[in-house]
Amino acid sequence: LFSKGKTTAAVRNVSLTLGRGETLGLVGESGCGKST
């Protein structure tokens, strides 16, 4: 209703893996798409 037809790609073609018992740190500025 409020988008006016505009689209924003918050996450684009992301690939990653996470192993058992591993910690993968994801860093970047606010608005870069981490939480999305």
PDB file of all heavy atoms in Angstrom:
ATOM      1  N   LEU A   1       0.820  -1.216   0.000  1.00  0.00           N
ATOM      2  CA  LEU A   1       0.000   0.000   0.000  1.00  0.00           C
ATOM      3  C   LEU A   1       0.848   1.258   0.000  1.00  0.00           C
ATOM      4  O   LEU A   1       0.532   2.246  -0.648  1.00  0.00           O
ATOM      5  CB  LEU A   1      -0.928  -0.027   1.222  1.00  0.00           C
ATOM      6  CG  LEU A   1      -1.862   1.184   1.406  1.00  0.00           C
ATOM      7  CD1 LEU A   1      -2.829   1.276   0.230  1.00  0.00           C
ATOM      8  CD2 LEU A   1      -2.632   1.075   2.719  1.00  0.00           C
ATOM      9  N   PHE A   2       2.002   1.235   0.750  1.00  0.00           N
ATOM     10  CA  PHE A   2       2.820   2.441   0.894  1.00  0.00           C
ATOM     11  C   PHE A   2       4.108   2.396   0.079  1.00  0.00           C
ATOM     12  O   PHE A   2       4.946   3.270   0.178  1.00  0.00           O
ATOM     13  CB  PHE A   2       3.171   2.647   2.382  1.00  0.00           C
ATOM     14  CG  PHE A   2       1.963   2.787   3.249  1.00  0.00           C
ATOM     15  CD1 PHE A   2       1.544   1.747   4.069  1.00  0.00           C
ATOM     16  CD2 PHE A   2       1.239   3.961   3.245  1.00  0.00           C
ATOM     17  CE1 PHE A   2       0.429   1.881   4.875  1.00  0.00           C
ATOM     18  CE2 PHE A   2       0.115   4.105   4.047  1.00  0.00           C
ATOM     19  CZ  PHE A   2      -0.293   3.065   4.856  1.00  0.00           C
ATOM     20  N   SER A   3       4.282   1.361  -0.729  1.00  0.00           N
ATOM     21  CA  SER A   3       5.569   1.201  -1.419  1.00  0.00           C
ATOM     22  C   SER A   3       5.679   2.003  -2.695  1.00  0.00           C
ATOM     23  O   SER A   3       6.762   2.211  -3.215  1.00  0.00           O
ATOM     24  CB  SER A   3       5.786  -0.282  -1.760  1.00  0.00           C
ATOM     25  OG  SER A   3       4.821  -0.709  -2.699  1.00  0.00           O
ATOM     26  N   LYS A   4       4.526   2.465  -3.266  1.00  0.00           N
ATOM     27  CA  LYS A   4       4.510   3.238  -4.510  1.00  0.00           C
ATOM     28  C   LYS A   4       5.204   2.496  -5.641  1.00  0.00           C
ATOM     29  O   LYS A   4       5.785   3.100  -6.549  1.00  0.00           O
ATOM     30  CB  LYS A   4       5.171   4.604  -4.299  1.00  0.00           C
ATOM     31  CG  LYS A   4       4.508   5.449  -3.221  1.00  0.00           C
ATOM     32  CD  LYS A   4       5.211   6.774  -3.019  1.00  0.00           C
ATOM     33  CE  LYS A   4       4.553   7.578  -1.909  1.00  0.00           C
ATOM     34  NZ  LYS A   4       5.233   8.873  -1.675  1.00  0.00           N
ATOM     35  N   GLY A   5       5.164   1.152  -5.584  1.00  0.00           N
ATOM     36  CA  GLY A   5       5.736   0.352  -6.663  1.00  0.00           C
ATOM     37  C   GLY A   5       7.231   0.192  -6.621  1.00  0.00           C
ATOM     38  O   GLY A   5       7.810  -0.510  -7.444  1.00  0.00           O
ATOM     39  N   LYS A   6       7.916   0.820  -5.653  1.00  0.00           N
ATOM     40  CA  LYS A   6       9.367   0.740  -5.582  1.00  0.00           C
ATOM     41  C   LYS A   6       9.793  -0.518  -4.840  1.00  0.00           C
ATOM     42  O   LYS A   6       9.118  -0.956  -3.910  1.00  0.00           O
ATOM     43  CB  LYS A   6       9.934   1.972  -4.865  1.00  0.00           C
ATOM     44  CG  LYS A   6       9.674   3.283  -5.589  1.00  0.00           C
ATOM     45  CD  LYS A   6      10.261   4.453  -4.807  1.00  0.00           C
ATOM     46  CE  LYS A   6       9.988   5.781  -5.508  1.00  0.00           C
ATOM     47  NZ  LYS A   6      10.534   6.931  -4.745  1.00  0.00           N
ATOM     48  N   THR A   7      10.886  -1.091  -5.254  1.00  0.00           N
ATOM     49  CA  THR A   7      11.433  -2.263  -4.564  1.00  0.00           C
ATOM     50  C   THR A   7      12.880  -1.997  -4.167  1.00  0.00           C
ATOM     51  O   THR A   7      13.610  -1.269  -4.852  1.00  0.00           O
ATOM     52  CB  THR A   7      11.381  -3.515  -5.452  1.00  0.00           C
ATOM     53  OG1 THR A   7      12.152  -3.288  -6.636  1.00  0.00           O
ATOM     54  CG2 THR A   7       9.945  -3.852  -5.829  1.00  0.00           C
ATOM     55  N   THR A   8      13.288  -2.597  -3.061  1.00  0.00           N
ATOM     56  CA  THR A   8      14.660  -2.480  -2.578  1.00  0.00           C
ATOM     57  C   THR A   8      15.176  -3.865  -2.257  1.00  0.00           C
ATOM     58  O   THR A   8      14.543  -4.605  -1.488  1.00  0.00           O
ATOM     59  CB  THR A   8      14.732  -1.607  -1.307  1.00  0.00           C
ATOM     60  OG1 THR A   8      14.214  -0.312  -1.602  1.00  0.00           O
ATOM     61  CG2 THR A   8      16.169  -1.487  -0.825  1.00  0.00           C
ATOM     62  N   ALA A   9      16.306  -4.230  -2.873  1.00  0.00           N
ATOM     63  CA  ALA A   9      16.923  -5.528  -2.588  1.00  0.00           C
ATOM     64  C   ALA A   9      17.768  -5.397  -1.327  1.00  0.00           C
ATOM     65  O   ALA A   9      18.890  -4.891  -1.375  1.00  0.00           O
ATOM     66  CB  ALA A   9      17.769  -5.982  -3.769  1.00  0.00           C
ATOM     67  N   ALA A  10      17.220  -5.843  -0.200  1.00  0.00           N
ATOM     68  CA  ALA A  10      17.938  -5.742   1.068  1.00  0.00           C
ATOM     69  C   ALA A  10      19.028  -6.799   1.173  1.00  0.00           C
ATOM     70  O   ALA A  10      20.061  -6.587   1.820  1.00  0.00           O
ATOM     71  CB  ALA A  10      16.964  -5.877   2.232  1.00  0.00           C
ATOM     72  N   VAL A  11      18.800  -7.964   0.575  1.00  0.00           N
ATOM     73  CA  VAL A  11      19.781  -9.053   0.525  1.00  0.00           C
ATOM     74  C   VAL A  11      19.875  -9.514  -0.918  1.00  0.00           C
ATOM     75  O   VAL A  11      18.846  -9.783  -1.558  1.00  0.00           O
ATOM     76  CB  VAL A  11      19.359 -10.236   1.431  1.00  0.00           C
ATOM     77  CG1 VAL A  11      20.332 -11.397   1.296  1.00  0.00           C
ATOM     78  CG2 VAL A  11      19.260  -9.780   2.884  1.00  0.00           C
ATOM     79  N   ARG A  12      21.117  -9.600  -1.443  1.00  0.00           N
ATOM     80  CA  ARG A  12      21.281  -9.905  -2.870  1.00  0.00           C
ATOM     81  C   ARG A  12      22.248 -11.063  -3.081  1.00  0.00           C
ATOM     82  O   ARG A  12      23.441 -10.936  -2.809  1.00  0.00           O
ATOM     83  CB  ARG A  12      21.795  -8.669  -3.617  1.00  0.00           C
ATOM     84  CG  ARG A  12      20.801  -7.506  -3.613  1.00  0.00           C
ATOM     85  CD  ARG A  12      21.270  -6.384  -4.494  1.00  0.00           C
ATOM     86  NE  ARG A  12      22.428  -5.693  -3.915  1.00  0.00           N
ATOM     87  CZ  ARG A  12      23.129  -4.758  -4.547  1.00  0.00           C
ATOM     88  NH1 ARG A  12      22.823  -4.438  -5.783  1.00  0.00           N
ATOM     89  NH2 ARG A  12      24.142  -4.175  -3.948  1.00  0.00           N
ATOM     90  N   ASN A  13      21.696 -12.183  -3.495  1.00  0.00           N
ATOM     91  CA  ASN A  13      22.497 -13.322  -3.944  1.00  0.00           C
ATOM     92  C   ASN A  13      23.555 -13.741  -2.923  1.00  0.00           C
ATOM     93  O   ASN A  13      24.725 -13.941  -3.241  1.00  0.00           O
ATOM     94  CB  ASN A  13      23.161 -12.996  -5.287  1.00  0.00           C
ATOM     95  CG  ASN A  13      23.673 -14.232  -5.985  1.00  0.00           C
ATOM     96  OD1 ASN A  13      23.098 -15.310  -5.872  1.00  0.00           O
ATOM     97  ND2 ASN A  13      24.777 -14.092  -6.702  1.00  0.00           N
ATOM     98  N   VAL A  14      23.126 -13.907  -1.670  1.00  0.00           N
ATOM     99  CA  VAL A  14      24.052 -14.241  -0.584  1.00  0.00           C
ATOM    100  C   VAL A  14      24.194 -15.755  -0.451  1.00  0.00           C
ATOM    101  O   VAL A  14      23.194 -16.480  -0.434  1.00  0.00           O
ATOM    102  CB  VAL A  14      23.577 -13.639   0.757  1.00  0.00           C
ATOM    103  CG1 VAL A  14      24.347 -14.239   1.923  1.00  0.00           C
ATOM    104  CG2 VAL A  14      23.746 -12.125   0.740  1.00  0.00           C
ATOM    105  N   SER A  15      25.435 -16.211  -0.341  1.00  0.00           N
ATOM    106  CA  SER A  15      25.730 -17.621  -0.081  1.00  0.00           C
ATOM    107  C   SER A  15      26.691 -17.710   1.101  1.00  0.00           C
ATOM    108  O   SER A  15      27.638 -16.920   1.199  1.00  0.00           O
ATOM    109  CB  SER A  15      26.361 -18.285  -1.315  1.00  0.00           C
ATOM    110  OG  SER A  15      25.473 -18.254  -2.419  1.00  0.00           O
ATOM    111  N   LEU A  16      26.426 -18.655   2.002  1.00  0.00           N
ATOM    112  CA  LEU A  16      27.319 -18.883   3.128  1.00  0.00           C
ATOM    113  C   LEU A  16      27.064 -20.261   3.714  1.00  0.00           C
ATOM    114  O   LEU A  16      26.045 -20.892   3.442  1.00  0.00           O
ATOM    115  CB  LEU A  16      27.139 -17.805   4.214  1.00  0.00           C
ATOM    116  CG  LEU A  16      25.744 -17.605   4.838  1.00  0.00           C
ATOM    117  CD1 LEU A  16      25.487 -18.586   5.983  1.00  0.00           C
ATOM    118  CD2 LEU A  16      25.611 -16.170   5.362  1.00  0.00           C
ATOM    119  N   THR A  17      28.025 -20.738   4.512  1.00  0.00           N
ATOM    120  CA  THR A  17      27.877 -22.004   5.230  1.00  0.00           C
ATOM    121  C   THR A  17      28.248 -21.788   6.688  1.00  0.00           C
ATOM    122  O   THR A  17      29.018 -20.883   7.027  1.00  0.00           O
ATOM    123  CB  THR A  17      28.767 -23.107   4.646  1.00  0.00           C
ATOM    124  OG1 THR A  17      30.142 -22.716   4.785  1.00  0.00           O
ATOM    125  CG2 THR A  17      28.436 -23.379   3.189  1.00  0.00           C
ATOM    126  N   LEU A  18      27.690 -22.631   7.551  1.00  0.00           N
ATOM    127  CA  LEU A  18      27.992 -22.591   8.978  1.00  0.00           C
ATOM    128  C   LEU A  18      28.169 -24.027   9.452  1.00  0.00           C
ATOM    129  O   LEU A  18      27.299 -24.872   9.229  1.00  0.00           O
ATOM    130  CB  LEU A  18      26.853 -21.913   9.751  1.00  0.00           C
ATOM    131  CG  LEU A  18      26.987 -21.812  11.276  1.00  0.00           C
ATOM    132  CD1 LEU A  18      28.206 -20.971  11.651  1.00  0.00           C
ATOM    133  CD2 LEU A  18      25.723 -21.220  11.880  1.00  0.00           C
ATOM    134  N   GLY A  19      29.313 -24.316  10.065  1.00  0.00           N
ATOM    135  CA  GLY A  19      29.621 -25.671  10.504  1.00  0.00           C
ATOM    136  C   GLY A  19      29.177 -25.941  11.925  1.00  0.00           C
ATOM    137  O   GLY A  19      28.969 -25.020  12.720  1.00  0.00           O
ATOM    138  N   ARG A  20      29.042 -27.212  12.261  1.00  0.00           N
ATOM    139  CA  ARG A  20      28.655 -27.603  13.613  1.00  0.00           C
ATOM    140  C   ARG A  20      29.691 -27.103  14.623  1.00  0.00           C
ATOM    141  O   ARG A  20      30.895 -27.279  14.448  1.00  0.00           O
ATOM    142  CB  ARG A  20      28.539 -29.130  13.691  1.00  0.00           C
ATOM    143  CG  ARG A  20      27.964 -29.627  15.026  1.00  0.00           C
ATOM    144  CD  ARG A  20      27.860 -31.140  15.025  1.00  0.00           C
ATOM    145  NE  ARG A  20      27.017 -31.624  13.949  1.00  0.00           N
ATOM    146  CZ  ARG A  20      25.684 -31.669  13.991  1.00  0.00           C
ATOM    147  NH1 ARG A  20      25.060 -31.235  15.076  1.00  0.00           N
ATOM    148  NH2 ARG A  20      24.994 -32.117  12.970  1.00  0.00           N
ATOM    149  N   GLY A  21      29.237 -26.443  15.674  1.00  0.00           N
ATOM    150  CA  GLY A  21      30.127 -25.933  16.705  1.00  0.00           C
ATOM    151  C   GLY A  21      30.986 -24.763  16.264  1.00  0.00           C
ATOM    152  O   GLY A  21      31.964 -24.418  16.931  1.00  0.00           O
ATOM    153  N   GLU A  22      30.607 -24.104  15.175  1.00  0.00           N
ATOM    154  CA  GLU A  22      31.391 -22.992  14.639  1.00  0.00           C
ATOM    155  C   GLU A  22      30.649 -21.670  14.872  1.00  0.00           C
ATOM    156  O   GLU A  22      29.423 -21.636  14.953  1.00  0.00           O
ATOM    157  CB  GLU A  22      31.611 -23.187  13.140  1.00  0.00           C
ATOM    158  CG  GLU A  22      32.418 -22.071  12.481  1.00  0.00           C
ATOM    159  CD  GLU A  22      32.501 -22.221  10.968  1.00  0.00           C
ATOM    160  OE1 GLU A  22      31.470 -22.526  10.341  1.00  0.00           O
ATOM    161  OE2 GLU A  22      33.599 -22.048  10.415  1.00  0.00           O
ATOM    162  N   THR A  23      31.411 -20.585  14.986  1.00  0.00           N
ATOM    163  CA  THR A  23      30.824 -19.257  15.036  1.00  0.00           C
ATOM    164  C   THR A  23      31.242 -18.478  13.789  1.00  0.00           C
ATOM    165  O   THR A  23      32.435 -18.310  13.522  1.00  0.00           O
ATOM    166  CB  THR A  23      31.270 -18.477  16.289  1.00  0.00           C
ATOM    167  OG1 THR A  23      30.808 -19.161  17.451  1.00  0.00           O
ATOM    168  CG2 THR A  23      30.699 -17.074  16.295  1.00  0.00           C
ATOM    169  N   LEU A  24      30.248 -18.042  13.028  1.00  0.00           N
ATOM    170  CA  LEU A  24      30.478 -17.201  11.861  1.00  0.00           C
ATOM    171  C   LEU A  24      30.054 -15.783  12.230  1.00  0.00           C
ATOM    172  O   LEU A  24      28.889 -15.533  12.560  1.00  0.00           O
ATOM    173  CB  LEU A  24      29.664 -17.695  10.663  1.00  0.00           C
ATOM    174  CG  LEU A  24      29.714 -16.804   9.410  1.00  0.00           C
ATOM    175  CD1 LEU A  24      31.128 -16.756   8.826  1.00  0.00           C
ATOM    176  CD2 LEU A  24      28.706 -17.283   8.362  1.00  0.00           C
ATOM    177  N   GLY A  25      30.998 -14.850  12.216  1.00  0.00           N
ATOM    178  CA  GLY A  25      30.692 -13.459  12.512  1.00  0.00           C
ATOM    179  C   GLY A  25      30.259 -12.729  11.261  1.00  0.00           C
ATOM    180  O   GLY A  25      30.899 -12.831  10.215  1.00  0.00           O
ATOM    181  N   LEU A  26      29.151 -12.002  11.348  1.00  0.00           N
ATOM    182  CA  LEU A  26      28.628 -11.230  10.222  1.00  0.00           C
ATOM    183  C   LEU A  26      28.684  -9.758  10.593  1.00  0.00           C
ATOM    184  O   LEU A  26      28.034  -9.326  11.553  1.00  0.00           O
ATOM    185  CB  LEU A  26      27.190 -11.656   9.914  1.00  0.00           C
ATOM    186  CG  LEU A  26      26.510 -11.024   8.706  1.00  0.00           C
ATOM    187  CD1 LEU A  26      27.241 -11.381   7.419  1.00  0.00           C
ATOM    188  CD2 LEU A  26      25.050 -11.477   8.620  1.00  0.00           C
ATOM    189  N   VAL A  27      29.485  -8.975   9.864  1.00  0.00           N
ATOM    190  CA  VAL A  27      29.698  -7.570  10.203  1.00  0.00           C
ATOM    191  C   VAL A  27      29.333  -6.679   9.029  1.00  0.00           C
ATOM    192  O   VAL A  27      29.327  -7.106   7.873  1.00  0.00           O
ATOM    193  CB  VAL A  27      31.164  -7.299  10.626  1.00  0.00           C
ATOM    194  CG1 VAL A  27      31.547  -8.148  11.817  1.00  0.00           C
ATOM    195  CG2 VAL A  27      32.131  -7.542   9.472  1.00  0.00           C
ATOM    196  N   GLY A  28      29.071  -5.427   9.334  1.00  0.00           N
ATOM    197  CA  GLY A  28      28.737  -4.437   8.313  1.00  0.00           C
ATOM    198  C   GLY A  28      28.008  -3.275   8.948  1.00  0.00           C
ATOM    199  O   GLY A  28      27.585  -3.331  10.104  1.00  0.00           O
ATOM    200  N   GLU A  29      27.843  -2.199   8.191  1.00  0.00           N
ATOM    201  CA  GLU A  29      27.176  -1.007   8.695  1.00  0.00           C
ATOM    202  C   GLU A  29      25.688  -1.252   8.881  1.00  0.00           C
ATOM    203  O   GLU A  29      25.108  -2.194   8.332  1.00  0.00           O
ATOM    204  CB  GLU A  29      27.376   0.159   7.719  1.00  0.00           C
ATOM    205  CG  GLU A  29      28.807   0.629   7.592  1.00  0.00           C
ATOM    206  CD  GLU A  29      28.965   1.647   6.482  1.00  0.00           C
ATOM    207  OE1 GLU A  29      28.586   1.362   5.345  1.00  0.00           O
ATOM    208  OE2 GLU A  29      29.474   2.734   6.776  1.00  0.00           O
ATOM    209  N   SER A  30      25.043  -0.365   9.641  1.00  0.00           N
ATOM    210  CA  SER A  30      23.589  -0.405   9.765  1.00  0.00           C
ATOM    211  C   SER A  30      22.972  -0.234   8.378  1.00  0.00           C
ATOM    212  O   SER A  30      23.417   0.603   7.591  1.00  0.00           O
ATOM    213  CB  SER A  30      23.101   0.723  10.681  1.00  0.00           C
ATOM    214  OG  SER A  30      23.658   0.590  11.965  1.00  0.00           O
ATOM    215  N   GLY A  31      21.965  -1.046   8.097  1.00  0.00           N
ATOM    216  CA  GLY A  31      21.297  -0.958   6.806  1.00  0.00           C
ATOM    217  C   GLY A  31      21.922  -1.782   5.713  1.00  0.00           C
ATOM    218  O   GLY A  31      21.444  -1.779   4.572  1.00  0.00           O
ATOM    219  N   CYS A  32      22.991  -2.528   6.028  1.00  0.00           N
ATOM    220  CA  CYS A  32      23.656  -3.312   4.984  1.00  0.00           C
ATOM    221  C   CYS A  32      22.927  -4.622   4.705  1.00  0.00           C
ATOM    222  O   CYS A  32      23.235  -5.298   3.715  1.00  0.00           O
ATOM    223  CB  CYS A  32      25.114  -3.585   5.355  1.00  0.00           C
ATOM    224  SG  CYS A  32      25.319  -4.773   6.703  1.00  0.00           S
ATOM    225  N   GLY A  33      21.989  -5.024   5.568  1.00  0.00           N
ATOM    226  CA  GLY A  33      21.216  -6.233   5.313  1.00  0.00           C
ATOM    227  C   GLY A  33      21.492  -7.383   6.259  1.00  0.00           C
ATOM    228  O   GLY A  33      20.965  -8.484   6.063  1.00  0.00           O
ATOM    229  N   LYS A  34      22.292  -7.151   7.324  1.00  0.00           N
ATOM    230  CA  LYS A  34      22.653  -8.248   8.231  1.00  0.00           C
ATOM    231  C   LYS A  34      21.419  -8.873   8.886  1.00  0.00           C
ATOM    232  O   LYS A  34      21.229 -10.091   8.844  1.00  0.00           O
ATOM    233  CB  LYS A  34      23.605  -7.750   9.332  1.00  0.00           C
ATOM    234  CG  LYS A  34      24.877  -7.105   8.851  1.00  0.00           C
ATOM    235  CD  LYS A  34      25.827  -6.807   9.985  1.00  0.00           C
ATOM    236  CE  LYS A  34      25.258  -5.904  11.059  1.00  0.00           C
ATOM    237  NZ  LYS A  34      24.953  -4.540  10.598  1.00  0.00           N
ATOM    238  N   SER A  35      20.587  -8.034   9.503  1.00  0.00           N
ATOM    239  CA  SER A  35      19.419  -8.561  10.207  1.00  0.00           C
ATOM    240  C   SER A  35      18.397  -9.138   9.232  1.00  0.00           C
ATOM    241  O   SER A  35      17.748 -10.147   9.539  1.00  0.00           O
ATOM    242  CB  SER A  35      18.771  -7.454  11.052  1.00  0.00           C
ATOM    243  OG  SER A  35      19.626  -7.075  12.111  1.00  0.00           O
ATOM    244  N   THR A  36      18.260  -8.524   8.073  1.00  0.00           N
ATOM    245  CA  THR A  36      17.332  -9.062   7.076  1.00  0.00           C
ATOM    246  C   THR A  36      17.798 -10.432   6.604  1.00  0.00           C
ATOM    247  O   THR A  36      16.980 -11.341   6.400  1.00  0.00           O
ATOM    248  CB  THR A  36      17.210  -8.099   5.883  1.00  0.00           C
ATOM    249  OG1 THR A  36      16.758  -6.825   6.340  1.00  0.00           O
ATOM    250  CG2 THR A  36      16.225  -8.629   4.854  1.00  0.00           C
TER     251      THR A  36
END
